[in-house]
Amino acid sequence: MSSLEKTLHDVDSEDAGGVDTNTNVLTVVHHIRPDAVGVRRALAAGPPLVLGRGRGELGAGNLDDPLLSRAHCEVKLNDQGVEVRDAGSLNGSFVNGQSFTRTALREGDILGLGNILLLLHRAPRSFTPRPHPRLIGGSAKLSRLLEDVDRVAPRMTTVLVQGETGVGKELIAQEVHLASGRQGRFVAVNCGAMPEALLLSELFGHTRGAFTGADRERTGLVQAAEGGTLFLDEIGEAPPGLQVALLRLLQEQEYRPVGSSQVHKADVRFVAATHRDLSVLVAQGQFREDLFGRLRWALHVPSLRERPEDIPLLARHFVRLHAGRPLDIHRSLMLLMLRYRWPRNVRELDAWIERLCVEQSDADSLRPSDWIQLAVSAQEPSVPPPPAPAAAAPTLTDRSVKPSAESLRQLFFAVNGNVKALAGRLGVSRNTLYRWFKEYEIDPDALRSGGVDGLG
């Protein structure tokens, strides 16, 4: 059983009737060992969860990180939510890249401990991820979608796949086809990709002489999908004439080629898809209500924002696809990807990884590029700026004053781990700075590689 197929901790207070309810879960979204990504820990009321080097709270070996202190961080679930407290760790604890002593942890926040990133999200208490050979992800929402696919696939019910642009609606349509057991082809047509007359000809075929340029008879996509599945992509963009023809096709399983008076029967399963709200289009008079009524079963494909725990798995899949060789994803890049909102969903993540693989083809691991930093910062004004020095930290006007350990860490963050810049800012030599590091037991190399989020 893989790490993705197990939950390491079940909440004891199960409902009396055995019905699962959502609870707060910490999921590993970055780790120096890829097999640990996806390990989950459900939070329960009671004593705080102590995370530290060598402890077993995330399973055997999953906290064996040299950057962690023995007791690094405490996570506690209480009536107000989830609270985290740094337990005096050497290299610090971070939420969304920012160091803290004690703070609230909210849904979607990323807790950073050394090389490990943990995502707080909601999931059913006893949920078990469902591996799939073609669809990547271990989230509860993806698993529920796959259950719905299995439920509807064996029937001839017309399915409407709904979801934002780039979520993979055609992949779900293909899963419906594959799970249906139908032996014919899966044939796709974009209902908004061409003028109405061409679409009608493309779908239903035409006779010779049906229109100018029709010098021969042609079969259409409906016939090509005989015994299989016809995928009507972007059905919300279908022009009025095509909507009328589709209504007859879905309702009667009949169609006529353009220019022909002969009616053909169709043995075809229909799956439609749209990123638009068809009920709104019906109210606006842009989509036929009777056609909308024929789309009996709706499958909602969640956006990437709704299943962030799947981002690491998808990213690693695309790295394997585009890099052509083993290539790690640096923790700072993973943190940025988890903080991004992904308006174009999985398609955009694929494009990001492909571009990074080209730009960093000689690297051992993918790291943030300037365009990624700009995309995240521009999209999320809530993303905090780099930590400023604490109030008691030295400034340019009180140079050569030995700072406290915490102030030294904060200044180290502020200069992005540049020792030369920090020495200049404090007005001391680098030897003096390294002496201070040694006195405070601060390891700058460890902070750069794992303890400071976003350092390159």
Protein backbone atom coordinates (compact mmCIF):
# COMPACT_ATOMS: atom_id res chain seq x y z
CA MET A 1 0.00 0.00 0.00
CA SER A 2 1.49 3.35 -1.05
CA SER A 3 1.58 6.47 1.12
CA LEU A 4 -1.23 7.91 -0.96
CA GLU A 5 -3.49 4.99 -0.09
CA LYS A 6 -3.43 5.44 3.64
CA THR A 7 -4.35 7.96 6.27
CA LEU A 8 -1.92 7.87 9.14
CA HIS A 9 -4.35 8.95 11.80
CA ASP A 10 -8.11 8.45 12.05
CA VAL A 11 -10.07 10.77 14.29
CA ASP A 12 -11.45 8.78 17.23
CA SER A 13 -14.72 10.70 17.48
CA GLU A 14 -16.49 9.09 14.51
CA ASP A 15 -20.14 9.94 14.13
CA ALA A 16 -22.46 7.45 15.79
CA GLY A 17 -24.06 6.56 12.49
CA GLY A 18 -20.71 5.96 10.79
CA VAL A 19 -21.16 8.93 8.41
CA ASP A 20 -17.93 10.68 7.50
CA THR A 21 -17.63 14.41 8.02
CA ASN A 22 -14.85 16.70 6.90
CA THR A 23 -12.04 17.43 9.31
CA ASN A 24 -8.78 19.37 9.28
CA VAL A 25 -5.98 17.43 7.62
CA LEU A 26 -2.27 18.12 7.15
CA THR A 27 -0.96 16.65 3.90
CA VAL A 28 2.71 16.50 2.91
CA VAL A 29 3.06 18.48 -0.33
CA HIS A 30 6.87 18.64 -0.46
CA HIS A 31 9.52 16.31 0.92
CA ILE A 32 13.08 15.30 0.12
CA ARG A 33 11.66 11.80 -0.40
CA PRO A 34 9.03 11.79 -3.18
CA ASP A 35 7.26 8.76 -1.72
CA ALA A 36 6.35 10.81 1.38
CA VAL A 37 4.38 13.35 -0.69
CA GLY A 38 0.69 12.71 -0.09
CA VAL A 39 1.04 11.36 3.46
CA ARG A 40 -1.86 12.72 5.50
CA ARG A 41 -2.48 13.36 9.17
CA ALA A 42 -5.98 14.18 10.39
CA LEU A 43 -6.07 16.56 13.35
CA ALA A 44 -7.99 15.75 16.50
CA ALA A 45 -8.91 17.76 19.58
CA GLY A 46 -6.74 17.09 22.60
CA PRO A 47 -3.01 17.39 23.24
CA PRO A 48 -1.05 19.28 20.57
CA LEU A 49 0.55 17.38 17.70
CA VAL A 50 4.33 17.71 18.12
CA LEU A 51 6.34 17.60 14.91
CA GLY A 52 10.10 17.18 15.08
CA ARG A 53 13.10 15.31 13.74
CA GLY A 54 12.78 11.56 14.11
CA ARG A 55 9.24 11.62 15.50
CA GLY A 56 6.55 9.29 14.13
CA GLU A 57 3.59 11.65 13.86
CA LEU A 58 3.73 11.52 10.03
CA GLY A 59 4.71 7.88 9.86
CA ALA A 60 8.04 6.13 10.23
CA GLY A 61 10.92 8.11 8.73
CA ASN A 62 8.82 10.96 7.33
CA LEU A 63 10.22 13.50 9.81
CA ASP A 64 13.87 12.44 9.44
CA ASP A 65 14.98 15.86 8.20
CA PRO A 66 18.34 17.25 9.44
CA LEU A 67 16.91 20.80 9.41
CA LEU A 68 14.29 19.91 12.02
CA SER A 69 14.81 20.23 15.75
CA ARG A 70 13.77 17.34 17.99
CA ALA A 71 10.66 19.27 19.01
CA HIS A 72 10.24 21.70 16.15
CA CYS A 73 6.60 22.78 16.05
CA GLU A 74 3.28 22.12 17.81
CA VAL A 75 -0.08 22.00 16.03
CA LYS A 76 -3.24 22.19 18.12
CA LEU A 77 -6.90 21.94 17.13
CA ASN A 78 -9.21 23.94 19.40
CA ASP A 79 -12.63 25.59 19.30
CA GLN A 80 -11.24 28.58 17.37
CA GLY A 81 -9.53 26.46 14.71
CA VAL A 82 -5.94 25.32 14.23
CA GLU A 83 -3.07 27.01 16.05
CA VAL A 84 0.63 26.42 15.43
CA ARG A 85 3.50 27.30 17.74
CA ASP A 86 7.21 27.13 17.03
CA ALA A 87 8.74 25.06 19.82
CA GLY A 88 12.02 26.98 19.93
CA SER A 89 13.37 25.33 16.79
CA LEU A 90 16.87 26.16 15.57
CA ASN A 91 15.88 26.92 11.97
CA GLY A 92 12.40 28.32 12.53
CA SER A 93 8.90 27.41 11.40
CA PHE A 94 7.03 29.13 8.58
CA VAL A 95 3.47 29.67 7.38
CA ASN A 96 3.18 30.62 3.70
CA GLY A 97 6.89 31.47 3.73
CA GLN A 98 6.77 33.75 6.78
CA SER A 99 8.38 32.89 10.11
CA PHE A 100 6.24 32.86 13.24
CA THR A 101 6.33 32.14 16.94
CA ARG A 102 2.61 31.42 17.34
CA THR A 103 -0.13 31.90 14.77
CA ALA A 104 -3.42 30.57 13.43
CA LEU A 105 -3.27 28.05 10.59
CA ARG A 106 -6.13 28.44 8.13
CA GLU A 107 -7.42 26.24 5.36
CA GLY A 108 -5.08 26.46 2.39
CA ASP A 109 -2.09 27.61 4.47
CA ILE A 110 1.27 25.89 3.98
CA LEU A 111 3.31 25.02 7.06
CA GLY A 112 7.04 24.88 6.36
CA LEU A 113 9.39 22.83 8.57
CA GLY A 114 12.88 22.40 7.18
CA ASN A 115 12.55 20.71 3.78
CA ILE A 116 8.96 19.66 4.47
CA LEU A 117 5.83 21.53 3.38
CA LEU A 118 2.45 20.60 4.85
CA LEU A 119 -0.88 21.83 3.47
CA LEU A 120 -3.83 22.34 5.80
CA HIS A 121 -7.12 21.46 4.11
CA ARG A 122 -10.45 19.81 4.76
CA ALA A 123 -11.13 16.17 3.91
CA PRO A 124 -13.42 13.34 5.05
CA ARG A 125 -12.20 11.72 8.24
CA SER A 126 -11.66 8.23 6.87
CA PHE A 127 -11.07 9.13 3.24
CA THR A 128 -8.75 6.84 1.28
CA PRO A 129 -7.28 8.30 -1.94
CA ARG A 130 -8.14 6.40 -5.07
CA PRO A 131 -5.21 5.81 -7.45
CA HIS A 132 -6.05 6.05 -11.14
CA PRO A 133 -3.96 5.00 -14.14
CA ARG A 134 -4.72 8.13 -16.19
CA LEU A 135 -6.01 10.89 -13.90
CA ILE A 136 -3.39 12.26 -11.51
CA GLY A 137 -4.32 13.20 -7.95
CA GLY A 138 -5.20 11.92 -4.52
CA SER A 139 -7.79 14.47 -3.41
CA ALA A 140 -11.23 13.61 -2.07
CA LYS A 141 -12.90 15.76 -4.75
CA LEU A 142 -11.18 13.92 -7.58
CA SER A 143 -12.07 10.57 -6.02
CA ARG A 144 -15.73 11.58 -5.71
CA LEU A 145 -15.73 12.63 -9.36
CA LEU A 146 -14.35 9.24 -10.39
CA GLU A 147 -17.06 7.52 -8.35
CA ASP A 148 -19.69 9.54 -10.23
CA VAL A 149 -18.07 8.56 -13.53
CA ASP A 150 -18.30 4.88 -12.59
CA ARG A 151 -21.94 5.33 -11.57
CA VAL A 152 -23.11 6.92 -14.81
CA ALA A 153 -20.77 5.36 -17.38
CA PRO A 154 -22.62 2.02 -17.90
CA ARG A 155 -25.88 3.82 -18.72
CA MET A 156 -26.75 5.55 -21.99
CA THR A 157 -27.65 8.72 -20.09
CA THR A 158 -26.37 11.88 -21.76
CA VAL A 159 -23.70 13.42 -19.52
CA LEU A 160 -22.81 17.10 -19.14
CA VAL A 161 -19.26 17.70 -17.92
CA GLN A 162 -18.97 21.11 -16.26
CA GLY A 163 -15.87 22.96 -15.12
CA GLU A 164 -13.59 25.89 -15.72
CA THR A 165 -11.31 26.18 -18.72
CA GLY A 166 -8.27 23.93 -18.43
CA VAL A 167 -9.55 21.52 -15.76
CA GLY A 168 -9.55 18.49 -18.07
CA LYS A 169 -13.20 18.10 -19.10
CA GLU A 170 -12.27 16.07 -22.19
CA LEU A 171 -10.24 13.67 -20.04
CA ILE A 172 -13.32 13.04 -17.90
CA ALA A 173 -15.42 12.53 -21.03
CA GLN A 174 -12.89 9.95 -22.19
CA GLU A 175 -13.15 8.21 -18.81
CA VAL A 176 -16.93 8.01 -19.23
CA HIS A 177 -16.35 6.39 -22.62
CA LEU A 178 -13.72 3.94 -21.37
CA ALA A 179 -15.81 2.94 -18.34
CA SER A 180 -18.91 2.47 -20.48
CA GLY A 181 -17.48 -0.58 -22.24
CA ARG A 182 -18.62 0.69 -25.64
CA GLN A 183 -16.45 -0.69 -28.43
CA GLY A 184 -16.73 2.21 -30.88
CA ARG A 185 -14.52 5.27 -31.10
CA PHE A 186 -14.41 8.35 -28.89
CA VAL A 187 -14.97 11.26 -31.27
CA ALA A 188 -14.76 14.92 -30.24
CA VAL A 189 -16.17 18.06 -31.87
CA ASN A 190 -15.94 21.65 -30.64
CA CYS A 191 -19.42 23.13 -31.03
CA GLY A 192 -18.14 26.69 -31.18
CA ALA A 193 -15.08 26.23 -33.35
CA MET A 194 -16.57 27.00 -36.80
CA PRO A 195 -19.61 28.53 -38.54
CA GLU A 196 -22.95 26.78 -38.16
CA ALA A 197 -23.13 25.39 -41.69
CA LEU A 198 -19.69 23.81 -41.42
CA LEU A 199 -20.50 22.38 -38.00
CA LEU A 200 -23.68 20.74 -39.33
CA SER A 201 -21.71 19.22 -42.19
CA GLU A 202 -18.90 18.16 -39.86
CA LEU A 203 -21.31 16.41 -37.51
CA PHE A 204 -23.87 14.89 -39.87
CA GLY A 205 -22.01 14.66 -43.15
CA HIS A 206 -23.39 15.88 -46.49
CA THR A 207 -24.44 14.68 -49.90
CA ARG A 208 -22.74 15.58 -53.14
CA GLY A 209 -23.93 19.01 -54.30
CA ALA A 210 -25.42 19.92 -50.90
CA PHE A 211 -23.59 23.26 -51.08
CA THR A 212 -20.94 24.99 -53.14
CA GLY A 213 -17.77 22.93 -53.01
CA ALA A 214 -19.51 19.71 -51.95
CA ASP A 215 -18.14 17.71 -54.88
CA ARG A 216 -18.46 14.38 -53.12
CA GLU A 217 -20.51 12.68 -50.43
CA ARG A 218 -19.02 12.82 -46.96
CA THR A 219 -19.81 10.97 -43.75
CA GLY A 220 -19.90 12.96 -40.50
CA LEU A 221 -18.60 12.56 -36.98
CA VAL A 222 -21.86 11.04 -35.74
CA GLN A 223 -21.34 8.11 -38.05
CA ALA A 224 -17.65 7.95 -37.11
CA ALA A 225 -18.72 7.56 -33.46
CA GLU A 226 -21.16 4.72 -34.23
CA GLY A 227 -21.04 2.23 -31.37
CA GLY A 228 -18.92 4.64 -29.35
CA THR A 229 -19.12 8.11 -27.81
CA LEU A 230 -19.56 11.54 -29.38
CA PHE A 231 -18.06 14.32 -27.25
CA LEU A 232 -19.77 17.68 -27.80
CA ASP A 233 -17.21 20.10 -26.40
CA GLU A 234 -18.23 23.69 -25.51
CA ILE A 235 -21.89 22.94 -26.15
CA GLY A 236 -22.74 26.29 -24.63
CA GLU A 237 -21.21 27.93 -27.72
CA ALA A 238 -23.41 25.95 -30.16
CA PRO A 239 -25.25 28.24 -32.65
CA PRO A 240 -29.10 28.09 -32.74
CA GLY A 241 -29.39 25.83 -35.81
CA LEU A 242 -26.98 23.33 -34.37
CA GLN A 243 -28.91 23.30 -31.08
CA VAL A 244 -32.08 22.29 -32.97
CA ALA A 245 -30.25 19.48 -34.77
CA LEU A 246 -28.60 18.30 -31.54
CA LEU A 247 -31.96 18.19 -29.75
CA ARG A 248 -33.34 15.79 -32.37
CA LEU A 249 -30.14 13.74 -32.28
CA LEU A 250 -30.18 13.40 -28.47
CA GLN A 251 -33.92 12.87 -28.23
CA GLU A 252 -34.62 10.57 -31.16
CA GLN A 253 -31.15 9.18 -31.95
CA GLU A 254 -31.79 10.33 -35.50
CA TYR A 255 -30.09 12.70 -37.93
CA ARG A 256 -30.03 13.70 -41.58
CA PRO A 257 -26.88 14.52 -43.57
CA VAL A 258 -26.86 18.03 -45.01
CA GLY A 259 -28.67 18.00 -48.37
CA SER A 260 -30.28 14.61 -47.77
CA SER A 261 -33.89 13.67 -47.01
CA GLN A 262 -32.88 10.28 -45.67
CA VAL A 263 -33.03 9.81 -41.88
CA HIS A 264 -30.22 7.82 -40.25
CA LYS A 265 -30.34 6.11 -36.86
CA ALA A 266 -27.40 6.63 -34.53
CA ASP A 267 -26.07 4.20 -31.97
CA VAL A 268 -24.02 6.80 -30.14
CA ARG A 269 -23.41 7.74 -26.50
CA PHE A 270 -23.36 11.52 -25.99
CA VAL A 271 -21.16 13.44 -23.57
CA ALA A 272 -21.23 17.24 -23.65
CA ALA A 273 -19.01 19.77 -21.88
CA THR A 274 -19.05 23.47 -21.12
CA HIS A 275 -17.28 26.03 -18.97
CA ARG A 276 -20.39 28.23 -18.97
CA ASP A 277 -23.50 28.14 -16.78
CA LEU A 278 -26.16 26.77 -19.15
CA SER A 279 -29.01 27.78 -16.83
CA VAL A 280 -27.92 31.40 -17.21
CA LEU A 281 -27.73 31.01 -20.99
CA VAL A 282 -31.25 29.54 -20.98
CA ALA A 283 -32.54 32.52 -18.97
CA GLN A 284 -30.85 34.85 -21.46
CA GLY A 285 -32.43 33.06 -24.43
CA GLN A 286 -29.05 31.91 -25.78
CA PHE A 287 -29.53 28.20 -25.13
CA ARG A 288 -32.59 26.05 -25.73
CA GLU A 289 -34.33 24.95 -22.56
CA ASP A 290 -35.47 21.67 -24.12
CA LEU A 291 -31.89 20.86 -25.11
CA PHE A 292 -30.71 21.76 -21.62
CA GLY A 293 -33.29 19.32 -20.28
CA ARG A 294 -31.75 16.49 -22.31
CA LEU A 295 -28.42 16.88 -20.50
CA ARG A 296 -29.63 14.79 -17.60
CA TRP A 297 -26.53 14.02 -15.59
CA ALA A 298 -23.94 16.65 -14.66
CA LEU A 299 -20.36 15.91 -13.62
CA HIS A 300 -18.47 18.80 -12.01
CA VAL A 301 -14.71 18.78 -12.55
CA PRO A 302 -13.11 20.67 -9.64
CA SER A 303 -10.71 23.49 -10.37
CA LEU A 304 -7.09 23.21 -9.30
CA ARG A 305 -7.85 25.75 -6.55
CA GLU A 306 -10.35 23.27 -5.09
CA ARG A 307 -7.81 20.46 -4.87
CA PRO A 308 -4.41 22.01 -4.09
CA GLU A 309 -3.16 18.76 -2.55
CA ASP A 310 -3.04 17.40 -6.12
CA ILE A 311 -0.63 20.11 -7.35
CA PRO A 312 2.59 18.31 -6.27
CA LEU A 313 1.47 15.06 -7.93
CA LEU A 314 0.49 16.82 -11.16
CA ALA A 315 3.70 18.88 -11.19
CA ARG A 316 5.86 15.78 -10.82
CA HIS A 317 3.88 14.08 -13.60
CA PHE A 318 4.52 17.01 -15.95
CA VAL A 319 8.21 17.09 -15.01
CA ARG A 320 8.53 13.45 -16.04
CA LEU A 321 6.68 14.27 -19.25
CA HIS A 322 8.73 17.33 -20.26
CA ALA A 323 12.18 16.93 -18.71
CA GLY A 324 12.94 13.51 -20.07
CA ARG A 325 15.13 12.82 -17.01
CA PRO A 326 14.83 12.79 -13.20
CA LEU A 327 14.46 16.37 -11.98
CA ASP A 328 13.44 17.57 -8.53
CA ILE A 329 11.14 20.49 -7.75
CA HIS A 330 12.74 22.87 -5.26
CA ARG A 331 10.74 23.60 -2.14
CA SER A 332 10.59 27.34 -2.89
CA LEU A 333 9.01 26.65 -6.29
CA MET A 334 6.49 24.24 -4.77
CA LEU A 335 5.51 26.87 -2.20
CA LEU A 336 4.84 29.43 -4.95
CA MET A 337 2.81 26.92 -6.97
CA LEU A 338 0.68 26.13 -3.92
CA ARG A 339 0.05 29.84 -3.31
CA TYR A 340 -0.93 30.59 -6.93
CA ARG A 341 -4.63 30.62 -7.86
CA TRP A 342 -4.32 28.87 -11.27
CA PRO A 343 -6.97 30.72 -13.35
CA ARG A 344 -6.30 28.37 -16.29
CA ASN A 345 -6.04 25.30 -14.06
CA VAL A 346 -4.16 22.11 -14.97
CA ARG A 347 -3.45 23.34 -18.49
CA GLU A 348 -1.58 26.32 -17.02
CA LEU A 349 0.39 24.14 -14.59
CA ASP A 350 1.45 21.96 -17.52
CA ALA A 351 2.62 25.08 -19.41
CA TRP A 352 4.55 26.36 -16.39
CA ILE A 353 6.42 23.08 -15.93
CA GLU A 354 7.18 22.76 -19.63
CA ARG A 355 8.65 26.30 -19.73
CA LEU A 356 10.71 25.71 -16.59
CA CYS A 357 12.07 22.44 -18.01
CA VAL A 358 13.24 24.32 -21.11
CA GLU A 359 14.68 27.28 -19.19
CA GLN A 360 16.47 25.14 -16.60
CA SER A 361 17.38 22.15 -18.75
CA ASP A 362 20.86 21.88 -17.17
CA ALA A 363 19.70 22.19 -13.55
CA ASP A 364 19.35 19.42 -11.00
CA SER A 365 16.08 20.87 -9.68
CA LEU A 366 13.47 23.32 -10.93
CA ARG A 367 13.48 26.66 -9.10
CA PRO A 368 11.33 29.80 -9.30
CA SER A 369 11.86 32.08 -12.29
CA ASP A 370 11.19 35.81 -12.27
CA TRP A 371 7.99 35.38 -14.28
CA ILE A 372 6.62 32.98 -11.66
CA GLN A 373 7.43 35.37 -8.82
CA LEU A 374 5.65 38.15 -10.73
CA ALA A 375 2.61 35.99 -11.50
CA VAL A 376 2.11 35.01 -7.86
CA SER A 377 2.71 38.53 -6.50
CA ALA A 378 0.44 40.17 -9.08
CA GLN A 379 -2.40 37.74 -8.50
CA GLU A 380 -2.44 37.64 -4.71
CA PRO A 381 -2.15 41.02 -3.00
CA SER A 382 -2.55 39.11 0.26
CA VAL A 383 0.87 37.51 -0.24
CA PRO A 384 2.96 39.22 2.47
CA PRO A 385 6.20 41.00 1.58
CA PRO A 386 9.53 39.59 2.78
CA PRO A 387 9.81 39.83 6.57
CA ALA A 388 11.05 43.20 7.74
CA PRO A 389 13.58 43.40 10.57
CA ALA A 390 12.04 43.24 14.02
CA ALA A 391 11.65 46.50 15.92
CA ALA A 392 14.67 45.74 18.04
CA ALA A 393 16.81 44.78 15.06
CA PRO A 394 19.77 46.96 14.16
CA THR A 395 19.39 49.50 11.36
CA LEU A 396 21.85 51.34 9.15
CA THR A 397 22.15 54.02 11.84
CA ASP A 398 23.25 51.71 14.64
CA ARG A 399 25.89 49.68 12.77
CA SER A 400 28.18 47.18 14.46
CA VAL A 401 25.72 46.65 17.33
CA LYS A 402 25.44 42.91 17.90
CA PRO A 403 21.82 41.95 17.18
CA SER A 404 19.77 39.36 19.03
CA ALA A 405 19.47 35.89 17.53
CA GLU A 406 15.91 36.58 16.31
CA SER A 407 16.91 39.94 14.81
CA LEU A 408 19.84 38.30 13.05
CA ARG A 409 17.49 35.72 11.52
CA GLN A 410 15.05 38.44 10.41
CA LEU A 411 17.82 40.47 8.78
CA PHE A 412 19.08 37.31 7.10
CA PHE A 413 15.58 36.86 5.62
CA ALA A 414 15.44 40.50 4.54
CA VAL A 415 18.60 40.18 2.40
CA ASN A 416 17.50 36.82 0.98
CA GLY A 417 20.34 34.94 2.67
CA ASN A 418 23.16 37.06 1.18
CA VAL A 419 25.90 37.03 3.84
CA LYS A 420 27.96 39.75 2.15
CA ALA A 421 24.95 42.06 1.97
CA LEU A 422 24.06 41.35 5.59
CA ALA A 423 27.61 42.07 6.79
CA GLY A 424 27.55 45.37 4.89
CA ARG A 425 24.19 46.26 6.35
CA LEU A 426 25.44 45.64 9.89
CA GLY A 427 28.79 47.34 9.28
CA VAL A 428 30.85 44.31 10.29
CA SER A 429 33.18 41.88 8.56
CA ARG A 430 31.93 38.54 7.33
CA ASN A 431 34.18 36.87 9.91
CA THR A 432 32.34 38.75 12.67
CA LEU A 433 29.01 37.79 11.17
CA TYR A 434 29.98 34.11 11.02
CA ARG A 435 31.15 34.34 14.66
CA TRP A 436 27.71 35.63 15.63
CA PHE A 437 26.08 32.80 13.67
CA LYS A 438 28.22 30.29 15.58
CA GLU A 439 27.41 31.85 18.96
CA TYR A 440 23.68 31.71 18.24
CA GLU A 441 23.92 28.22 16.66
CA ILE A 442 22.45 29.55 13.40
CA ASP A 443 23.35 27.60 10.28
CA PRO A 444 23.01 29.97 7.27
CA ASP A 445 23.47 27.15 4.74
CA ALA A 446 20.65 25.20 6.36
CA LEU A 447 18.40 28.26 6.28
CA ARG A 448 19.09 28.82 2.60
CA SER A 449 18.43 25.21 1.60
CA GLY A 450 15.37 24.66 3.68
CA GLY A 451 14.69 27.00 6.54
CA VAL A 452 13.97 30.18 4.56
CA ASP A 453 11.09 29.93 2.12
CA GLY A 454 11.72 31.52 -1.24
CA LEU A 455 15.50 31.66 -1.12
CA GLY A 456 17.00 30.58 -4.36
